[in-house]
Amino acid sequence: MTITGIYDALNDKAESFSEWAQAHPKFGLLFVAALLALWLTGLLFRWKWACQWQFWGKLWFFDDCKPETRRRIQIALVGVALAACLMMFFVWS
């Protein structure tokens, strides 16, 4: 199999997955919920990748907060997002 054959096979697989995901959007919520649950687990266990801010800078409304306060705020926000995502999944008809 050549490189172009591998590329075509991967492209076809990605296209079929995209079509399946568009036909079943409810399962996208489960995927997002799994990612949020992983992030929340990382925050609770203080994993370095989960506790760092994504902007690599300072956000003006968190400038005076201690790192533990920022972590608690992130836990609250990710928890609310996870709850909303799961609620949308179970309410979806």
PDB file of N, CA and C in Angstrom:
ATOM      1  N   MET A   1       0.856  -1.180   0.000  1.00  0.00           N
ATOM      2  CA  MET A   1       0.000   0.000   0.000  1.00  0.00           C
ATOM      3  C   MET A   1       0.897   1.236   0.000  1.00  0.00           C
ATOM      4  N   THR A   2       0.571   2.168  -0.839  1.00  0.00           N
ATOM      5  CA  THR A   2       1.365   3.386  -0.948  1.00  0.00           C
ATOM      6  C   THR A   2       0.864   4.429   0.038  1.00  0.00           C
ATOM      7  N   ILE A   3       1.593   5.499   0.110  1.00  0.00           N
ATOM      8  CA  ILE A   3       1.220   6.607   0.999  1.00  0.00           C
ATOM      9  C   ILE A   3      -0.133   7.182   0.598  1.00  0.00           C
ATOM     10  N   THR A   4      -0.357   7.326  -0.693  1.00  0.00           N
ATOM     11  CA  THR A   4      -1.647   7.885  -1.127  1.00  0.00           C
ATOM     12  C   THR A   4      -2.793   6.928  -0.813  1.00  0.00           C
ATOM     13  N   GLY A   5      -2.541   5.627  -0.862  1.00  0.00           N
ATOM     14  CA  GLY A   5      -3.569   4.658  -0.495  1.00  0.00           C
ATOM     15  C   GLY A   5      -3.919   4.743   0.981  1.00  0.00           C
ATOM     16  N   ILE A   6      -2.883   4.893   1.813  1.00  0.00           N
ATOM     17  CA  ILE A   6      -3.119   5.051   3.257  1.00  0.00           C
ATOM     18  C   ILE A   6      -3.886   6.341   3.517  1.00  0.00           C
ATOM     19  N   TYR A   7      -3.484   7.417   2.833  1.00  0.00           N
ATOM     20  CA  TYR A   7      -4.170   8.697   2.995  1.00  0.00           C
ATOM     21  C   TYR A   7      -5.629   8.589   2.581  1.00  0.00           C
ATOM     22  N   ASP A   8      -5.904   7.937   1.461  1.00  0.00           N
ATOM     23  CA  ASP A   8      -7.285   7.771   0.993  1.00  0.00           C
ATOM     24  C   ASP A   8      -8.104   6.927   1.962  1.00  0.00           C
ATOM     25  N   ALA A   9      -7.506   5.878   2.512  1.00  0.00           N
ATOM     26  CA  ALA A   9      -8.221   5.031   3.471  1.00  0.00           C
ATOM     27  C   ALA A   9      -8.557   5.803   4.741  1.00  0.00           C
ATOM     28  N   LEU A  10      -7.592   6.579   5.250  1.00  0.00           N
ATOM     29  CA  LEU A  10      -7.850   7.388   6.441  1.00  0.00           C
ATOM     30  C   LEU A  10      -8.881   8.471   6.162  1.00  0.00           C
ATOM     31  N   ASN A  11      -8.815   9.063   4.992  1.00  0.00           N
ATOM     32  CA  ASN A  11      -9.769  10.102   4.614  1.00  0.00           C
ATOM     33  C   ASN A  11     -11.178   9.529   4.517  1.00  0.00           C
ATOM     34  N   ASP A  12     -11.314   8.350   3.935  1.00  0.00           N
ATOM     35  CA  ASP A  12     -12.624   7.709   3.841  1.00  0.00           C
ATOM     36  C   ASP A  12     -13.173   7.361   5.220  1.00  0.00           C
ATOM     37  N   LYS A  13     -12.299   6.865   6.099  1.00  0.00           N
ATOM     38  CA  LYS A  13     -12.729   6.511   7.462  1.00  0.00           C
ATOM     39  C   LYS A  13     -13.169   7.761   8.229  1.00  0.00           C
ATOM     40  N   ALA A  14     -12.408   8.854   8.092  1.00  0.00           N
ATOM     41  CA  ALA A  14     -12.777  10.100   8.760  1.00  0.00           C
ATOM     42  C   ALA A  14     -14.096  10.643   8.219  1.00  0.00           C
ATOM     43  N   GLU A  15     -14.306  10.508   6.915  1.00  0.00           N
ATOM     44  CA  GLU A  15     -15.550  10.983   6.313  1.00  0.00           C
ATOM     45  C   GLU A  15     -16.744  10.161   6.799  1.00  0.00           C
ATOM     46  N   SER A  16     -16.575   8.857   6.902  1.00  0.00           N
ATOM     47  CA  SER A  16     -17.681   8.018   7.386  1.00  0.00           C
ATOM     48  C   SER A  16     -17.968   8.290   8.860  1.00  0.00           C
ATOM     49  N   PHE A  17     -16.911   8.544   9.655  1.00  0.00           N
ATOM     50  CA  PHE A  17     -17.133   8.887  11.056  1.00  0.00           C
ATOM     51  C   PHE A  17     -17.849  10.225  11.178  1.00  0.00           C
ATOM     52  N   SER A  18     -17.481  11.181  10.344  1.00  0.00           N
ATOM     53  CA  SER A  18     -18.132  12.490  10.371  1.00  0.00           C
ATOM     54  C   SER A  18     -19.613  12.362  10.022  1.00  0.00           C
ATOM     55  N   GLU A  19     -19.928  11.546   9.037  1.00  0.00           N
ATOM     56  CA  GLU A  19     -21.330  11.339   8.674  1.00  0.00           C
ATOM     57  C   GLU A  19     -22.092  10.656   9.811  1.00  0.00           C
ATOM     58  N   TRP A  20     -21.457   9.674  10.466  1.00  0.00           N
ATOM     59  CA  TRP A  20     -22.112   8.999  11.585  1.00  0.00           C
ATOM     60  C   TRP A  20     -22.343   9.970  12.732  1.00  0.00           C
ATOM     61  N   ALA A  21     -21.363  10.826  13.018  1.00  0.00           N
ATOM     62  CA  ALA A  21     -21.497  11.791  14.111  1.00  0.00           C
ATOM     63  C   ALA A  21     -22.601  12.804  13.830  1.00  0.00           C
ATOM     64  N   GLN A  22     -22.761  13.183  12.563  1.00  0.00           N
ATOM     65  CA  GLN A  22     -23.836  14.105  12.219  1.00  0.00           C
ATOM     66  C   GLN A  22     -25.190  13.438  12.329  1.00  0.00           C
ATOM     67  N   ALA A  23     -25.248  12.131  12.075  1.00  0.00           N
ATOM     68  CA  ALA A  23     -26.509  11.404  12.178  1.00  0.00           C
ATOM     69  C   ALA A  23     -26.879  11.098  13.626  1.00  0.00           C
ATOM     70  N   HIS A  24     -25.902  11.057  14.523  1.00  0.00           N
ATOM     71  CA  HIS A  24     -26.129  10.734  15.939  1.00  0.00           C
ATOM     72  C   HIS A  24     -25.478  11.787  16.836  1.00  0.00           C
ATOM     73  N   PRO A  25     -26.006  13.021  16.865  1.00  0.00           N
ATOM     74  CA  PRO A  25     -25.352  14.083  17.645  1.00  0.00           C
ATOM     75  C   PRO A  25     -25.426  13.865  19.152  1.00  0.00           C
ATOM     76  N   LYS A  26     -26.344  13.026  19.605  1.00  0.00           N
ATOM     77  CA  LYS A  26     -26.483  12.799  21.041  1.00  0.00           C
ATOM     78  C   LYS A  26     -25.213  12.175  21.623  1.00  0.00           C
ATOM     79  N   PHE A  27     -24.541  11.336  20.845  1.00  0.00           N
ATOM     80  CA  PHE A  27     -23.337  10.681  21.339  1.00  0.00           C
ATOM     81  C   PHE A  27     -22.148  11.632  21.408  1.00  0.00           C
ATOM     82  N   GLY A  28     -22.233  12.756  20.710  1.00  0.00           N
ATOM     83  CA  GLY A  28     -21.221  13.793  20.859  1.00  0.00           C
ATOM     84  C   GLY A  28     -21.223  14.361  22.266  1.00  0.00           C
ATOM     85  N   LEU A  29     -22.407  14.442  22.856  1.00  0.00           N
ATOM     86  CA  LEU A  29     -22.503  14.906  24.243  1.00  0.00           C
ATOM     87  C   LEU A  29     -21.804  13.948  25.193  1.00  0.00           C
ATOM     88  N   LEU A  30     -21.891  12.658  24.934  1.00  0.00           N
ATOM     89  CA  LEU A  30     -21.183  11.687  25.773  1.00  0.00           C
ATOM     90  C   LEU A  30     -19.675  11.848  25.643  1.00  0.00           C
ATOM     91  N   PHE A  31     -19.207  12.122  24.435  1.00  0.00           N
ATOM     92  CA  PHE A  31     -17.776  12.338  24.231  1.00  0.00           C
ATOM     93  C   PHE A  31     -17.309  13.574  24.984  1.00  0.00           C
ATOM     94  N   VAL A  32     -18.066  14.653  24.891  1.00  0.00           N
ATOM     95  CA  VAL A  32     -17.725  15.883  25.605  1.00  0.00           C
ATOM     96  C   VAL A  32     -17.783  15.649  27.119  1.00  0.00           C
ATOM     97  N   ALA A  33     -18.782  14.896  27.582  1.00  0.00           N
ATOM     98  CA  ALA A  33     -18.885  14.592  29.006  1.00  0.00           C
ATOM     99  C   ALA A  33     -17.681  13.778  29.483  1.00  0.00           C
ATOM    100  N   ALA A  34     -17.208  12.862  28.660  1.00  0.00           N
ATOM    101  CA  ALA A  34     -16.028  12.073  29.030  1.00  0.00           C
ATOM    102  C   ALA A  34     -14.794  12.961  29.134  1.00  0.00           C
ATOM    103  N   LEU A  35     -14.638  13.899  28.204  1.00  0.00           N
ATOM    104  CA  LEU A  35     -13.502  14.821  28.275  1.00  0.00           C
ATOM    105  C   LEU A  35     -13.588  15.719  29.506  1.00  0.00           C
ATOM    106  N   LEU A  36     -14.790  16.209  29.809  1.00  0.00           N
ATOM    107  CA  LEU A  36     -14.961  17.040  30.996  1.00  0.00           C
ATOM    108  C   LEU A  36     -14.714  16.243  32.273  1.00  0.00           C
ATOM    109  N   ALA A  37     -15.145  14.979  32.294  1.00  0.00           N
ATOM    110  CA  ALA A  37     -14.905  14.138  33.465  1.00  0.00           C
ATOM    111  C   ALA A  37     -13.405  13.891  33.655  1.00  0.00           C
ATOM    112  N   LEU A  38     -12.683  13.703  32.561  1.00  0.00           N
ATOM    113  CA  LEU A  38     -11.236  13.531  32.658  1.00  0.00           C
ATOM    114  C   LEU A  38     -10.577  14.796  33.188  1.00  0.00           C
ATOM    115  N   TRP A  39     -11.017  15.949  32.695  1.00  0.00           N
ATOM    116  CA  TRP A  39     -10.476  17.226  33.157  1.00  0.00           C
ATOM    117  C   TRP A  39     -10.787  17.429  34.638  1.00  0.00           C
ATOM    118  N   LEU A  40     -12.016  17.125  35.055  1.00  0.00           N
ATOM    119  CA  LEU A  40     -12.393  17.265  36.454  1.00  0.00           C
ATOM    120  C   LEU A  40     -11.581  16.331  37.334  1.00  0.00           C
ATOM    121  N   THR A  41     -11.352  15.121  36.879  1.00  0.00           N
ATOM    122  CA  THR A  41     -10.521  14.180  37.626  1.00  0.00           C
ATOM    123  C   THR A  41      -9.106  14.732  37.776  1.00  0.00           C
ATOM    124  N   GLY A  42      -8.577  15.295  36.705  1.00  0.00           N
ATOM    125  CA  GLY A  42      -7.250  15.901  36.770  1.00  0.00           C
ATOM    126  C   GLY A  42      -7.188  17.056  37.749  1.00  0.00           C
ATOM    127  N   LEU A  43      -8.237  17.852  37.797  1.00  0.00           N
ATOM    128  CA  LEU A  43      -8.278  18.962  38.753  1.00  0.00           C
ATOM    129  C   LEU A  43      -8.347  18.458  40.191  1.00  0.00           C
ATOM    130  N   LEU A  44      -9.155  17.435  40.404  1.00  0.00           N
ATOM    131  CA  LEU A  44      -9.297  16.913  41.765  1.00  0.00           C
ATOM    132  C   LEU A  44      -8.014  16.258  42.269  1.00  0.00           C
ATOM    133  N   PHE A  45      -7.265  15.611  41.375  1.00  0.00           N
ATOM    134  CA  PHE A  45      -6.005  14.967  41.762  1.00  0.00           C
ATOM    135  C   PHE A  45      -4.789  15.885  41.594  1.00  0.00           C
ATOM    136  N   ARG A  46      -5.046  17.146  41.228  1.00  0.00           N
ATOM    137  CA  ARG A  46      -4.010  18.163  41.065  1.00  0.00           C
ATOM    138  C   ARG A  46      -2.962  17.784  40.021  1.00  0.00           C
ATOM    139  N   TRP A  47      -3.408  17.198  38.911  1.00  0.00           N
ATOM    140  CA  TRP A  47      -2.488  16.896  37.820  1.00  0.00           C
ATOM    141  C   TRP A  47      -2.068  18.208  37.173  1.00  0.00           C
ATOM    142  N   LYS A  48      -0.802  18.312  36.842  1.00  0.00           N
ATOM    143  CA  LYS A  48      -0.252  19.575  36.359  1.00  0.00           C
ATOM    144  C   LYS A  48      -0.946  20.084  35.101  1.00  0.00           C
ATOM    145  N   TRP A  49      -1.194  19.204  34.141  1.00  0.00           N
ATOM    146  CA  TRP A  49      -1.800  19.630  32.882  1.00  0.00           C
ATOM    147  C   TRP A  49      -3.217  20.149  33.076  1.00  0.00           C
ATOM    148  N   ALA A  50      -3.905  19.660  34.101  1.00  0.00           N
ATOM    149  CA  ALA A  50      -5.290  20.078  34.314  1.00  0.00           C
ATOM    150  C   ALA A  50      -5.387  21.388  35.086  1.00  0.00           C
ATOM    151  N   CYS A  51      -4.401  21.665  35.923  1.00  0.00           N
ATOM    152  CA  CYS A  51      -4.479  22.846  36.780  1.00  0.00           C
ATOM    153  C   CYS A  51      -3.922  24.115  36.142  1.00  0.00           C
ATOM    154  N   GLN A  52      -3.219  23.983  35.029  1.00  0.00           N
ATOM    155  CA  GLN A  52      -2.669  25.171  34.387  1.00  0.00           C
ATOM    156  C   GLN A  52      -3.748  25.882  33.588  1.00  0.00           C
ATOM    157  N   TRP A  53      -3.687  27.204  33.595  1.00  0.00           N
ATOM    158  CA  TRP A  53      -4.605  27.992  32.792  1.00  0.00           C
ATOM    159  C   TRP A  53      -4.207  27.884  31.337  1.00  0.00           C
ATOM    160  N   GLN A  54      -5.154  27.904  30.457  1.00  0.00           N
ATOM    161  CA  GLN A  54      -4.887  27.712  29.048  1.00  0.00           C
ATOM    162  C   GLN A  54      -4.294  28.942  28.371  1.00  0.00           C
ATOM    163  N   PHE A  55      -4.453  30.097  28.930  1.00  0.00           N
ATOM    164  CA  PHE A  55      -4.021  31.316  28.258  1.00  0.00           C
ATOM    165  C   PHE A  55      -2.562  31.644  28.531  1.00  0.00           C
ATOM    166  N   TRP A  56      -1.916  30.917  29.422  1.00  0.00           N
ATOM    167  CA  TRP A  56      -0.510  31.108  29.765  1.00  0.00           C
ATOM    168  C   TRP A  56      -0.210  32.549  30.125  1.00  0.00           C
ATOM    169  N   GLY A  57      -1.175  33.228  30.612  1.00  0.00           N
ATOM    170  CA  GLY A  57      -1.005  34.601  31.038  1.00  0.00           C
ATOM    171  C   GLY A  57      -1.929  34.860  32.204  1.00  0.00           C
ATOM    172  N   LYS A  58      -2.134  36.105  32.467  1.00  0.00           N
ATOM    173  CA  LYS A  58      -3.003  36.441  33.583  1.00  0.00           C
ATOM    174  C   LYS A  58      -4.343  36.933  33.062  1.00  0.00           C
ATOM    175  N   LEU A  59      -5.377  36.487  33.710  1.00  0.00           N
ATOM    176  CA  LEU A  59      -6.705  36.998  33.432  1.00  0.00           C
ATOM    177  C   LEU A  59      -6.995  38.051  34.486  1.00  0.00           C
ATOM    178  N   TRP A  60      -7.447  39.191  34.092  1.00  0.00           N
ATOM    179  CA  TRP A  60      -7.535  40.324  34.993  1.00  0.00           C
ATOM    180  C   TRP A  60      -8.395  40.057  36.215  1.00  0.00           C
ATOM    181  N   PHE A  61      -9.421  39.241  36.109  1.00  0.00           N
ATOM    182  CA  PHE A  61     -10.273  39.014  37.274  1.00  0.00           C
ATOM    183  C   PHE A  61      -9.732  37.907  38.176  1.00  0.00           C
ATOM    184  N   PHE A  62      -8.640  37.250  37.791  1.00  0.00           N
ATOM    185  CA  PHE A  62      -8.014  36.251  38.656  1.00  0.00           C
ATOM    186  C   PHE A  62      -6.595  36.643  39.045  1.00  0.00           C
ATOM    187  N   ASP A  63      -6.196  37.888  38.806  1.00  0.00           N
ATOM    188  CA  ASP A  63      -4.826  38.308  39.096  1.00  0.00           C
ATOM    189  C   ASP A  63      -4.465  38.173  40.568  1.00  0.00           C
ATOM    190  N   ASP A  64      -5.387  38.468  41.445  1.00  0.00           N
ATOM    191  CA  ASP A  64      -5.083  38.464  42.875  1.00  0.00           C
ATOM    192  C   ASP A  64      -5.410  37.144  43.562  1.00  0.00           C
ATOM    193  N   CYS A  65      -5.867  36.156  42.815  1.00  0.00           N
ATOM    194  CA  CYS A  65      -6.233  34.867  43.414  1.00  0.00           C
ATOM    195  C   CYS A  65      -5.005  33.990  43.619  1.00  0.00           C
ATOM    196  N   LYS A  66      -5.075  33.179  44.652  1.00  0.00           N
ATOM    197  CA  LYS A  66      -4.029  32.189  44.884  1.00  0.00           C
ATOM    198  C   LYS A  66      -4.277  31.005  43.940  1.00  0.00           C
ATOM    199  N   PRO A  67      -3.250  30.192  43.668  1.00  0.00           N
ATOM    200  CA  PRO A  67      -3.437  29.038  42.769  1.00  0.00           C
ATOM    201  C   PRO A  67      -4.518  28.064  43.246  1.00  0.00           C
ATOM    202  N   GLU A  68      -4.654  27.889  44.553  1.00  0.00           N
ATOM    203  CA  GLU A  68      -5.685  26.985  45.066  1.00  0.00           C
ATOM    204  C   GLU A  68      -7.083  27.541  44.810  1.00  0.00           C
ATOM    205  N   THR A  69      -7.231  28.858  44.899  1.00  0.00           N
ATOM    206  CA  THR A  69      -8.520  29.479  44.598  1.00  0.00           C
ATOM    207  C   THR A  69      -8.848  29.329  43.121  1.00  0.00           C
ATOM    208  N   ARG A  70      -7.856  29.509  42.254  1.00  0.00           N
ATOM    209  CA  ARG A  70      -8.078  29.316  40.818  1.00  0.00           C
ATOM    210  C   ARG A  70      -8.492  27.886  40.528  1.00  0.00           C
ATOM    211  N   ARG A  71      -7.849  26.927  41.194  1.00  0.00           N
ATOM    212  CA  ARG A  71      -8.195  25.520  41.004  1.00  0.00           C
ATOM    213  C   ARG A  71      -9.632  25.249  41.424  1.00  0.00           C
ATOM    214  N   ARG A  72     -10.046  25.809  42.555  1.00  0.00           N
ATOM    215  CA  ARG A  72     -11.418  25.622  43.027  1.00  0.00           C
ATOM    216  C   ARG A  72     -12.428  26.246  42.072  1.00  0.00           C
ATOM    217  N   ILE A  73     -12.096  27.401  41.506  1.00  0.00           N
ATOM    218  CA  ILE A  73     -12.985  28.036  40.531  1.00  0.00           C
ATOM    219  C   ILE A  73     -13.096  27.155  39.288  1.00  0.00           C
ATOM    220  N   GLN A  74     -11.957  26.597  38.844  1.00  0.00           N
ATOM    221  CA  GLN A  74     -11.986  25.699  37.689  1.00  0.00           C
ATOM    222  C   GLN A  74     -12.816  24.454  37.989  1.00  0.00           C
ATOM    223  N   ILE A  75     -12.686  23.907  39.189  1.00  0.00           N
ATOM    224  CA  ILE A  75     -13.473  22.730  39.562  1.00  0.00           C
ATOM    225  C   ILE A  75     -14.959  23.052  39.484  1.00  0.00           C
ATOM    226  N   ALA A  76     -15.339  24.220  39.991  1.00  0.00           N
ATOM    227  CA  ALA A  76     -16.749  24.607  39.962  1.00  0.00           C
ATOM    228  C   ALA A  76     -17.242  24.774  38.521  1.00  0.00           C
ATOM    229  N   LEU A  77     -16.460  25.443  37.678  1.00  0.00           N
ATOM    230  CA  LEU A  77     -16.880  25.680  36.297  1.00  0.00           C
ATOM    231  C   LEU A  77     -16.958  24.386  35.495  1.00  0.00           C
ATOM    232  N   VAL A  78     -15.959  23.514  35.649  1.00  0.00           N
ATOM    233  CA  VAL A  78     -15.964  22.254  34.915  1.00  0.00           C
ATOM    234  C   VAL A  78     -17.081  21.359  35.438  1.00  0.00           C
ATOM    235  N   GLY A  79     -17.334  21.386  36.737  1.00  0.00           N
ATOM    236  CA  GLY A  79     -18.436  20.602  37.303  1.00  0.00           C
ATOM    237  C   GLY A  79     -19.789  21.039  36.767  1.00  0.00           C
ATOM    238  N   VAL A  80     -19.988  22.341  36.666  1.00  0.00           N
ATOM    239  CA  VAL A  80     -21.251  22.861  36.121  1.00  0.00           C
ATOM    240  C   VAL A  80     -21.378  22.489  34.642  1.00  0.00           C
ATOM    241  N   ALA A  81     -20.284  22.591  33.896  1.00  0.00           N
ATOM    242  CA  ALA A  81     -20.320  22.224  32.479  1.00  0.00           C
ATOM    243  C   ALA A  81     -20.610  20.730  32.308  1.00  0.00           C
ATOM    244  N   LEU A  82     -20.020  19.889  33.156  1.00  0.00           N
ATOM    245  CA  LEU A  82     -20.271  18.453  33.094  1.00  0.00           C
ATOM    246  C   LEU A  82     -21.723  18.142  33.431  1.00  0.00           C
ATOM    247  N   ALA A  83     -22.247  18.782  34.458  1.00  0.00           N
ATOM    248  CA  ALA A  83     -23.645  18.561  34.823  1.00  0.00           C
ATOM    249  C   ALA A  83     -24.582  19.002  33.705  1.00  0.00           C
ATOM    250  N   ALA A  84     -24.294  20.135  33.084  1.00  0.00           N
ATOM    251  CA  ALA A  84     -25.133  20.624  31.980  1.00  0.00           C
ATOM    252  C   ALA A  84     -25.065  19.682  30.787  1.00  0.00           C
ATOM    253  N   CYS A  85     -23.881  19.191  30.503  1.00  0.00           N
ATOM    254  CA  CYS A  85     -23.723  18.271  29.371  1.00  0.00           C
ATOM    255  C   CYS A  85     -24.480  16.971  29.610  1.00  0.00           C
ATOM    256  N   LEU A  86     -24.369  16.416  30.799  1.00  0.00           N
ATOM    257  CA  LEU A  86     -25.091  15.181  31.108  1.00  0.00           C
ATOM    258  C   LEU A  86     -26.599  15.407  31.139  1.00  0.00           C
ATOM    259  N   MET A  87     -27.015  16.576  31.625  1.00  0.00           N
ATOM    260  CA  MET A  87     -28.436  16.878  31.643  1.00  0.00           C
ATOM    261  C   MET A  87     -28.987  16.981  30.209  1.00  0.00           C
ATOM    262  N   MET A  88     -28.224  17.607  29.324  1.00  0.00           N
ATOM    263  CA  MET A  88     -28.656  17.689  27.930  1.00  0.00           C
ATOM    264  C   MET A  88     -28.735  16.300  27.290  1.00  0.00           C
ATOM    265  N   PHE A  89     -27.786  15.437  27.639  1.00  0.00           N
ATOM    266  CA  PHE A  89     -27.792  14.074  27.092  1.00  0.00           C
ATOM    267  C   PHE A  89     -29.044  13.310  27.519  1.00  0.00           C
ATOM    268  N   PHE A  90     -29.387  13.379  28.807  1.00  0.00           N
ATOM    269  CA  PHE A  90     -30.507  12.599  29.307  1.00  0.00           C
ATOM    270  C   PHE A  90     -31.869  13.201  28.973  1.00  0.00           C
ATOM    271  N   VAL A  91     -31.915  14.520  28.742  1.00  0.00           N
ATOM    272  CA  VAL A  91     -33.182  15.162  28.408  1.00  0.00           C
ATOM    273  C   VAL A  91     -33.454  15.100  26.909  1.00  0.00           C
ATOM    274  N   TRP A  92     -32.420  14.941  26.091  1.00  0.00           N
ATOM    275  CA  TRP A  92     -32.542  14.914  24.639  1.00  0.00           C
ATOM    276  C   TRP A  92     -33.530  13.831  24.222  1.00  0.00           C
ATOM    277  N   SER A  93     -34.500  14.211  23.406  1.00  0.00           N
ATOM    278  CA  SER A  93     -35.486  13.207  22.973  1.00  0.00           C
ATOM    279  C   SER A  93     -35.335  12.852  21.517  1.00  0.00           C
TER     280      SER A  93
END
